[in-house]
Amino acid sequence: MAADGMARRRVEPEWLDLLEAEDPRALRSRRDLVRVNAWMGHARIIARQLRSRLLAGAAPRLLEIGAGDGRFTLSVLRRLGRRGGSVTLLDRHDVVTEATRREMAALGWSCRVAQAEAGEALPRCTERFDAVFANLFLHQFPDDSLAAMLGAASRLAPLVAACEPRRSALAMGGARLLWAIGCGEVTRLDAAISVRAGFRGGEIGALWPERAGWVLQERPAGPFSHLFVARRA
């Protein structure tokens, strides 16, 4: 048993996923997540991975799974710059506002929402993308479901990147301090659940379907985050 008592992942339902999309507590939690993502620097981390692979002058096609209200995606696109392209936002709810869509369009990006459960939609998808990415999403799935999703993602794009919670005592301490940046009860509860379901070491890569022809990177990213990147060689 690890000294911090979190040797194994523990996946539990998160409160936000149990609330109706327009519940005031859900609306506040989505606003909180914008603040949390900025604090953790995930948009910067994901944008750096995308820039390293996307071809200059091309109009890339991106897919975010578990995209929520799209504001994280918008932060990533701002860092990619005014280059143009298309982004598909896959989520069980369509809560992307017209204001967010307009801001994406102003950067030259078209936006489409695919409203579906990721675990069901990804294996059926026949489109191809330049990159698939996720933010604070993969940890919500047990290993068998996550392995199936990673297998589907590997068929859709030559680059798959994800920023997830790190399962550590330090990250749990950070989760317990979210009140200090104004986060509400739902976000504070879900943060602790997320850390217990988070990743360490090479746990995501161990679920990747096929190592041949792929370069996998998995490491801590900042004090509380875990980065996974798969690039087709």
C-alpha atoms as a PDB file:
ATOM      1  CA  MET A   1       0.000   0.000   0.000  1.00  0.00           C
ATOM      2  CA  ALA A   2       1.358   3.420  -0.933  1.00  0.00           C
ATOM      3  CA  ALA A   3       2.053   5.757   1.945  1.00  0.00           C
ATOM      4  CA  ASP A   4      -0.679   8.144   0.801  1.00  0.00           C
ATOM      5  CA  GLY A   5      -3.339   5.405   0.756  1.00  0.00           C
ATOM      6  CA  MET A   6      -4.020   5.813  -2.974  1.00  0.00           C
ATOM      7  CA  ALA A   7      -2.104   2.911  -4.478  1.00  0.00           C
ATOM      8  CA  ARG A   8      -5.087   1.948  -6.646  1.00  0.00           C
ATOM      9  CA  ARG A   9      -7.482   4.066  -8.659  1.00  0.00           C
ATOM     10  CA  ARG A  10     -10.954   4.456  -7.181  1.00  0.00           C
ATOM     11  CA  VAL A  11     -13.537   5.541  -9.745  1.00  0.00           C
ATOM     12  CA  GLU A  12     -16.760   7.007  -8.343  1.00  0.00           C
ATOM     13  CA  PRO A  13     -19.573   9.067  -9.923  1.00  0.00           C
ATOM     14  CA  GLU A  14     -18.892  12.796  -9.830  1.00  0.00           C
ATOM     15  CA  TRP A  15     -21.593  15.087  -8.536  1.00  0.00           C
ATOM     16  CA  LEU A  16     -21.558  17.334 -11.609  1.00  0.00           C
ATOM     17  CA  ASP A  17     -22.451  14.368 -13.830  1.00  0.00           C
ATOM     18  CA  LEU A  18     -25.484  13.587 -11.670  1.00  0.00           C
ATOM     19  CA  LEU A  19     -26.969  17.093 -11.927  1.00  0.00           C
ATOM     20  CA  GLU A  20     -29.197  18.399 -14.698  1.00  0.00           C
ATOM     21  CA  ALA A  21     -27.248  20.560 -17.140  1.00  0.00           C
ATOM     22  CA  GLU A  22     -29.148  23.728 -16.140  1.00  0.00           C
ATOM     23  CA  ASP A  23     -29.079  23.111 -12.388  1.00  0.00           C
ATOM     24  CA  PRO A  24     -27.601  26.254 -10.753  1.00  0.00           C
ATOM     25  CA  ARG A  25     -25.061  24.075  -8.953  1.00  0.00           C
ATOM     26  CA  ALA A  26     -23.944  22.608 -12.285  1.00  0.00           C
ATOM     27  CA  LEU A  27     -23.707  26.068 -13.851  1.00  0.00           C
ATOM     28  CA  ARG A  28     -21.526  27.248 -10.987  1.00  0.00           C
ATOM     29  CA  SER A  29     -19.327  24.161 -11.158  1.00  0.00           C
ATOM     30  CA  ARG A  30     -18.689  24.681 -14.874  1.00  0.00           C
ATOM     31  CA  ARG A  31     -17.668  28.261 -14.090  1.00  0.00           C
ATOM     32  CA  ASP A  32     -15.414  26.940 -11.333  1.00  0.00           C
ATOM     33  CA  LEU A  33     -13.751  24.572 -13.782  1.00  0.00           C
ATOM     34  CA  VAL A  34     -12.675  27.498 -15.961  1.00  0.00           C
ATOM     35  CA  ARG A  35     -10.829  28.862 -12.916  1.00  0.00           C
ATOM     36  CA  VAL A  36      -9.405  25.457 -11.984  1.00  0.00           C
ATOM     37  CA  ASN A  37      -8.122  24.846 -15.514  1.00  0.00           C
ATOM     38  CA  ALA A  38      -6.443  28.237 -15.576  1.00  0.00           C
ATOM     39  CA  TRP A  39      -4.863  27.514 -12.183  1.00  0.00           C
ATOM     40  CA  MET A  40      -3.549  24.127 -13.384  1.00  0.00           C
ATOM     41  CA  GLY A  41      -2.387  25.446 -16.777  1.00  0.00           C
ATOM     42  CA  HIS A  42      -3.996  22.632 -18.760  1.00  0.00           C
ATOM     43  CA  ALA A  43      -4.878  24.709 -21.837  1.00  0.00           C
ATOM     44  CA  ARG A  44      -1.235  25.747 -22.178  1.00  0.00           C
ATOM     45  CA  ILE A  45      -0.073  22.127 -21.793  1.00  0.00           C
ATOM     46  CA  ILE A  46      -2.524  20.743 -24.375  1.00  0.00           C
ATOM     47  CA  ALA A  47      -1.872  23.585 -26.841  1.00  0.00           C
ATOM     48  CA  ARG A  48       1.872  22.892 -26.652  1.00  0.00           C
ATOM     49  CA  GLN A  49       1.283  19.250 -27.564  1.00  0.00           C
ATOM     50  CA  LEU A  50      -0.987  20.181 -30.474  1.00  0.00           C
ATOM     51  CA  ARG A  51       1.434  22.791 -31.835  1.00  0.00           C
ATOM     52  CA  SER A  52       4.231  20.220 -31.859  1.00  0.00           C
ATOM     53  CA  ARG A  53       2.305  18.023 -34.297  1.00  0.00           C
ATOM     54  CA  LEU A  54      -0.055  20.146 -36.402  1.00  0.00           C
ATOM     55  CA  LEU A  55       1.327  21.129 -39.783  1.00  0.00           C
ATOM     56  CA  ALA A  56       1.957  24.799 -40.525  1.00  0.00           C
ATOM     57  CA  GLY A  57      -0.513  26.222 -43.016  1.00  0.00           C
ATOM     58  CA  ALA A  58      -2.935  23.326 -42.648  1.00  0.00           C
ATOM     59  CA  ALA A  59      -6.517  23.581 -41.402  1.00  0.00           C
ATOM     60  CA  PRO A  60      -6.497  20.940 -38.670  1.00  0.00           C
ATOM     61  CA  ARG A  61      -9.479  18.937 -37.517  1.00  0.00           C
ATOM     62  CA  LEU A  62      -9.607  18.523 -33.750  1.00  0.00           C
ATOM     63  CA  LEU A  63     -11.825  16.434 -31.492  1.00  0.00           C
ATOM     64  CA  GLU A  64     -12.208  17.025 -27.765  1.00  0.00           C
ATOM     65  CA  ILE A  65     -13.916  14.272 -25.791  1.00  0.00           C
ATOM     66  CA  GLY A  66     -15.792  15.281 -22.666  1.00  0.00           C
ATOM     67  CA  ALA A  67     -15.726  18.880 -23.834  1.00  0.00           C
ATOM     68  CA  GLY A  68     -18.319  20.319 -21.446  1.00  0.00           C
ATOM     69  CA  ASP A  69     -19.214  23.923 -22.230  1.00  0.00           C
ATOM     70  CA  GLY A  70     -16.319  24.388 -24.670  1.00  0.00           C
ATOM     71  CA  ARG A  71     -14.547  27.091 -22.709  1.00  0.00           C
ATOM     72  CA  PHE A  72     -11.481  24.912 -22.179  1.00  0.00           C
ATOM     73  CA  THR A  73     -11.368  24.285 -25.930  1.00  0.00           C
ATOM     74  CA  LEU A  74     -11.582  28.030 -26.524  1.00  0.00           C
ATOM     75  CA  SER A  75      -8.568  28.571 -24.247  1.00  0.00           C
ATOM     76  CA  VAL A  76      -6.617  25.990 -26.251  1.00  0.00           C
ATOM     77  CA  LEU A  77      -7.577  27.591 -29.575  1.00  0.00           C
ATOM     78  CA  ARG A  78      -6.483  31.020 -28.355  1.00  0.00           C
ATOM     79  CA  ARG A  79      -3.035  29.573 -27.696  1.00  0.00           C
ATOM     80  CA  LEU A  80      -2.926  27.947 -31.125  1.00  0.00           C
ATOM     81  CA  GLY A  81      -3.567  31.330 -32.709  1.00  0.00           C
ATOM     82  CA  ARG A  82      -5.625  32.513 -35.650  1.00  0.00           C
ATOM     83  CA  ARG A  83      -4.869  29.674 -38.016  1.00  0.00           C
ATOM     84  CA  GLY A  84      -8.322  28.279 -38.756  1.00  0.00           C
ATOM     85  CA  GLY A  85      -9.602  24.763 -38.673  1.00  0.00           C
ATOM     86  CA  SER A  86     -12.501  22.811 -37.228  1.00  0.00           C
ATOM     87  CA  VAL A  87     -13.158  21.444 -33.767  1.00  0.00           C
ATOM     88  CA  THR A  88     -15.740  18.854 -32.750  1.00  0.00           C
ATOM     89  CA  LEU A  89     -16.839  18.923 -29.119  1.00  0.00           C
ATOM     90  CA  LEU A  90     -18.084  15.549 -27.891  1.00  0.00           C
ATOM     91  CA  ASP A  91     -20.134  15.599 -24.705  1.00  0.00           C
ATOM     92  CA  ARG A  92     -23.295  14.097 -23.259  1.00  0.00           C
ATOM     93  CA  HIS A  93     -24.792  17.618 -22.985  1.00  0.00           C
ATOM     94  CA  ASP A  94     -24.819  20.495 -25.485  1.00  0.00           C
ATOM     95  CA  VAL A  95     -24.066  23.416 -23.174  1.00  0.00           C
ATOM     96  CA  VAL A  96     -21.801  25.420 -25.503  1.00  0.00           C
ATOM     97  CA  THR A  97     -23.069  28.998 -25.618  1.00  0.00           C
ATOM     98  CA  GLU A  98     -23.391  31.117 -28.731  1.00  0.00           C
ATOM     99  CA  ALA A  99     -20.842  33.510 -27.238  1.00  0.00           C
ATOM    100  CA  THR A 100     -18.253  30.701 -27.054  1.00  0.00           C
ATOM    101  CA  ARG A 101     -19.009  29.652 -30.620  1.00  0.00           C
ATOM    102  CA  ARG A 102     -18.622  33.251 -31.824  1.00  0.00           C
ATOM    103  CA  GLU A 103     -15.257  33.588 -30.095  1.00  0.00           C
ATOM    104  CA  MET A 104     -14.054  30.410 -31.775  1.00  0.00           C
ATOM    105  CA  ALA A 105     -15.290  31.666 -35.130  1.00  0.00           C
ATOM    106  CA  ALA A 106     -13.448  34.955 -34.589  1.00  0.00           C
ATOM    107  CA  LEU A 107     -10.243  32.921 -34.251  1.00  0.00           C
ATOM    108  CA  GLY A 108     -10.997  31.160 -37.528  1.00  0.00           C
ATOM    109  CA  TRP A 109     -12.281  27.896 -36.055  1.00  0.00           C
ATOM    110  CA  SER A 110     -15.601  26.279 -36.883  1.00  0.00           C
ATOM    111  CA  CYS A 111     -17.259  24.429 -34.001  1.00  0.00           C
ATOM    112  CA  ARG A 112     -19.603  21.460 -34.015  1.00  0.00           C
ATOM    113  CA  VAL A 113     -21.109  19.805 -30.939  1.00  0.00           C
ATOM    114  CA  ALA A 114     -21.596  16.034 -31.036  1.00  0.00           C
ATOM    115  CA  GLN A 115     -24.017  15.241 -28.215  1.00  0.00           C
ATOM    116  CA  ALA A 116     -23.422  11.653 -27.141  1.00  0.00           C
ATOM    117  CA  GLU A 117     -21.818   9.442 -24.532  1.00  0.00           C
ATOM    118  CA  ALA A 118     -18.111   9.224 -25.396  1.00  0.00           C
ATOM    119  CA  GLY A 119     -17.864   5.525 -24.618  1.00  0.00           C
ATOM    120  CA  GLU A 120     -20.638   4.781 -27.114  1.00  0.00           C
ATOM    121  CA  ALA A 121     -19.826   7.373 -29.791  1.00  0.00           C
ATOM    122  CA  LEU A 122     -16.071   6.905 -30.211  1.00  0.00           C
ATOM    123  CA  PRO A 123     -16.145   3.243 -31.347  1.00  0.00           C
ATOM    124  CA  ARG A 124     -18.812   4.115 -33.934  1.00  0.00           C
ATOM    125  CA  CYS A 125     -17.069   7.207 -35.276  1.00  0.00           C
ATOM    126  CA  THR A 126     -15.853   6.966 -38.869  1.00  0.00           C
ATOM    127  CA  GLU A 127     -14.412  10.487 -39.149  1.00  0.00           C
ATOM    128  CA  ARG A 128     -10.688  11.177 -39.038  1.00  0.00           C
ATOM    129  CA  PHE A 129      -9.014  13.968 -37.092  1.00  0.00           C
ATOM    130  CA  ASP A 130      -5.547  15.424 -36.773  1.00  0.00           C
ATOM    131  CA  ALA A 131      -5.705  15.222 -32.982  1.00  0.00           C
ATOM    132  CA  VAL A 132      -7.956  13.982 -30.210  1.00  0.00           C
ATOM    133  CA  PHE A 133      -7.612  15.545 -26.773  1.00  0.00           C
ATOM    134  CA  ALA A 134      -9.251  15.388 -23.368  1.00  0.00           C
ATOM    135  CA  ASN A 135      -9.082  17.419 -20.188  1.00  0.00           C
ATOM    136  CA  LEU A 136     -10.033  16.101 -16.741  1.00  0.00           C
ATOM    137  CA  PHE A 137     -12.173  13.424 -18.388  1.00  0.00           C
ATOM    138  CA  LEU A 138     -10.416  10.062 -18.758  1.00  0.00           C
ATOM    139  CA  HIS A 139     -10.194   9.542 -15.003  1.00  0.00           C
ATOM    140  CA  GLN A 140     -13.992   9.152 -14.851  1.00  0.00           C
ATOM    141  CA  PHE A 141     -13.779   5.690 -16.448  1.00  0.00           C
ATOM    142  CA  PRO A 142     -12.674   2.333 -15.013  1.00  0.00           C
ATOM    143  CA  ASP A 143      -9.762   0.666 -16.753  1.00  0.00           C
ATOM    144  CA  ASP A 144     -11.785  -1.598 -19.055  1.00  0.00           C
ATOM    145  CA  SER A 145     -13.957   1.243 -20.367  1.00  0.00           C
ATOM    146  CA  LEU A 146     -10.948   3.535 -20.663  1.00  0.00           C
ATOM    147  CA  ALA A 147      -9.008   0.924 -22.654  1.00  0.00           C
ATOM    148  CA  ALA A 148     -11.890   0.687 -25.137  1.00  0.00           C
ATOM    149  CA  MET A 149     -12.022   4.486 -25.489  1.00  0.00           C
ATOM    150  CA  LEU A 150      -8.262   4.709 -26.043  1.00  0.00           C
ATOM    151  CA  GLY A 151      -8.488   1.996 -28.668  1.00  0.00           C
ATOM    152  CA  ALA A 152     -11.169   3.958 -30.492  1.00  0.00           C
ATOM    153  CA  ALA A 153      -9.196   7.214 -30.230  1.00  0.00           C
ATOM    154  CA  SER A 154      -6.092   5.536 -31.652  1.00  0.00           C
ATOM    155  CA  ARG A 155      -8.039   4.797 -34.843  1.00  0.00           C
ATOM    156  CA  LEU A 156      -9.289   8.368 -35.219  1.00  0.00           C
ATOM    157  CA  ALA A 157      -6.111  10.480 -35.107  1.00  0.00           C
ATOM    158  CA  PRO A 158      -2.299  10.289 -35.113  1.00  0.00           C
ATOM    159  CA  LEU A 159      -2.119  12.329 -31.903  1.00  0.00           C
ATOM    160  CA  VAL A 160      -4.003  11.717 -28.658  1.00  0.00           C
ATOM    161  CA  ALA A 161      -3.307  13.941 -25.645  1.00  0.00           C
ATOM    162  CA  ALA A 162      -4.893  14.187 -22.207  1.00  0.00           C
ATOM    163  CA  CYS A 163      -4.376  16.195 -19.024  1.00  0.00           C
ATOM    164  CA  GLU A 164      -5.755  14.394 -15.990  1.00  0.00           C
ATOM    165  CA  PRO A 165      -5.581  14.613 -12.197  1.00  0.00           C
ATOM    166  CA  ARG A 166      -2.503  13.123 -10.593  1.00  0.00           C
ATOM    167  CA  ARG A 167      -3.276  10.617  -7.856  1.00  0.00           C
ATOM    168  CA  SER A 168      -1.102  11.885  -5.023  1.00  0.00           C
ATOM    169  CA  ALA A 169      -1.236  13.294  -1.522  1.00  0.00           C
ATOM    170  CA  LEU A 170      -0.111  16.677  -2.891  1.00  0.00           C
ATOM    171  CA  ALA A 171      -2.958  16.771  -5.406  1.00  0.00           C
ATOM    172  CA  MET A 172      -5.448  15.810  -2.716  1.00  0.00           C
ATOM    173  CA  GLY A 173      -4.152  18.665  -0.593  1.00  0.00           C
ATOM    174  CA  GLY A 174      -4.711  21.032  -3.524  1.00  0.00           C
ATOM    175  CA  ALA A 175      -8.254  19.712  -3.989  1.00  0.00           C
ATOM    176  CA  ARG A 176      -9.042  20.480  -0.372  1.00  0.00           C
ATOM    177  CA  LEU A 177      -7.893  24.078  -0.836  1.00  0.00           C
ATOM    178  CA  LEU A 178     -10.161  24.923  -3.779  1.00  0.00           C
ATOM    179  CA  TRP A 179     -12.374  26.957  -1.457  1.00  0.00           C
ATOM    180  CA  ALA A 180      -9.528  29.475  -1.416  1.00  0.00           C
ATOM    181  CA  ILE A 181     -10.071  30.328  -5.111  1.00  0.00           C
ATOM    182  CA  GLY A 182     -13.845  30.548  -4.680  1.00  0.00           C
ATOM    183  CA  CYS A 183     -14.945  27.102  -5.860  1.00  0.00           C
ATOM    184  CA  GLY A 184     -18.338  25.834  -4.753  1.00  0.00           C
ATOM    185  CA  GLU A 185     -19.359  22.663  -2.976  1.00  0.00           C
ATOM    186  CA  VAL A 186     -19.850  20.551  -6.114  1.00  0.00           C
ATOM    187  CA  THR A 187     -16.409  21.381  -7.459  1.00  0.00           C
ATOM    188  CA  ARG A 188     -14.716  20.767  -4.117  1.00  0.00           C
ATOM    189  CA  LEU A 189     -16.361  17.371  -3.705  1.00  0.00           C
ATOM    190  CA  ASP A 190     -15.671  16.342  -7.300  1.00  0.00           C
ATOM    191  CA  ALA A 191     -12.020  17.407  -7.030  1.00  0.00           C
ATOM    192  CA  ALA A 192     -11.370  14.874  -4.272  1.00  0.00           C
ATOM    193  CA  ILE A 193     -13.206  12.169  -6.248  1.00  0.00           C
ATOM    194  CA  SER A 194     -11.113  13.072  -9.308  1.00  0.00           C
ATOM    195  CA  VAL A 195      -7.814  12.758  -7.450  1.00  0.00           C
ATOM    196  CA  ARG A 196      -8.727   9.302  -6.116  1.00  0.00           C
ATOM    197  CA  ALA A 197      -9.565   8.255  -9.701  1.00  0.00           C
ATOM    198  CA  GLY A 198      -6.491   9.959 -11.177  1.00  0.00           C
ATOM    199  CA  PHE A 199      -3.309   8.508 -12.583  1.00  0.00           C
ATOM    200  CA  ARG A 200       0.334   7.986 -11.742  1.00  0.00           C
ATOM    201  CA  GLY A 201       3.272   6.323 -13.440  1.00  0.00           C
ATOM    202  CA  GLY A 202       2.386   4.726 -16.771  1.00  0.00           C
ATOM    203  CA  GLU A 203      -1.180   3.719 -15.959  1.00  0.00           C
ATOM    204  CA  ILE A 204      -2.819   5.231 -19.051  1.00  0.00           C
ATOM    205  CA  GLY A 205      -0.143   3.924 -21.411  1.00  0.00           C
ATOM    206  CA  ALA A 206      -0.610   0.436 -19.983  1.00  0.00           C
ATOM    207  CA  LEU A 207      -4.147   0.545 -21.423  1.00  0.00           C
ATOM    208  CA  TRP A 208      -3.046   1.735 -24.890  1.00  0.00           C
ATOM    209  CA  PRO A 209      -4.122  -0.899 -27.441  1.00  0.00           C
ATOM    210  CA  GLU A 210      -1.020  -1.225 -29.614  1.00  0.00           C
ATOM    211  CA  ARG A 211       2.508   0.009 -28.893  1.00  0.00           C
ATOM    212  CA  ALA A 212       3.950  -0.759 -32.349  1.00  0.00           C
ATOM    213  CA  GLY A 213       4.037   2.391 -34.470  1.00  0.00           C
ATOM    214  CA  TRP A 214       3.322   4.708 -31.550  1.00  0.00           C
ATOM    215  CA  VAL A 215       5.464   6.832 -29.246  1.00  0.00           C
ATOM    216  CA  LEU A 216       3.914   7.170 -25.790  1.00  0.00           C
ATOM    217  CA  GLN A 217       4.766   9.829 -23.227  1.00  0.00           C
ATOM    218  CA  GLU A 218       3.344   9.878 -19.722  1.00  0.00           C
ATOM    219  CA  ARG A 219       4.549  12.065 -16.878  1.00  0.00           C
ATOM    220  CA  PRO A 220       3.611  14.554 -14.174  1.00  0.00           C
ATOM    221  CA  ALA A 221       2.723  18.021 -15.500  1.00  0.00           C
ATOM    222  CA  GLY A 222       2.915  20.626 -12.781  1.00  0.00           C
ATOM    223  CA  PRO A 223       2.220  19.822  -9.131  1.00  0.00           C
ATOM    224  CA  PHE A 224      -1.278  18.350  -9.534  1.00  0.00           C
ATOM    225  CA  SER A 225      -1.609  17.074 -13.116  1.00  0.00           C
ATOM    226  CA  HIS A 226      -0.781  13.990 -15.161  1.00  0.00           C
ATOM    227  CA  LEU A 227      -0.035  14.227 -18.900  1.00  0.00           C
ATOM    228  CA  PHE A 228      -0.486  11.438 -21.437  1.00  0.00           C
ATOM    229  CA  VAL A 229       0.480  11.824 -25.092  1.00  0.00           C
ATOM    230  CA  ALA A 230       0.425   9.200 -27.858  1.00  0.00           C
ATOM    231  CA  ARG A 231       1.981  10.100 -31.228  1.00  0.00           C
ATOM    232  CA  ARG A 232       1.954   7.871 -34.260  1.00  0.00           C
ATOM    233  CA  ALA A 233       5.566   7.368 -35.299  1.00  0.00           C
END
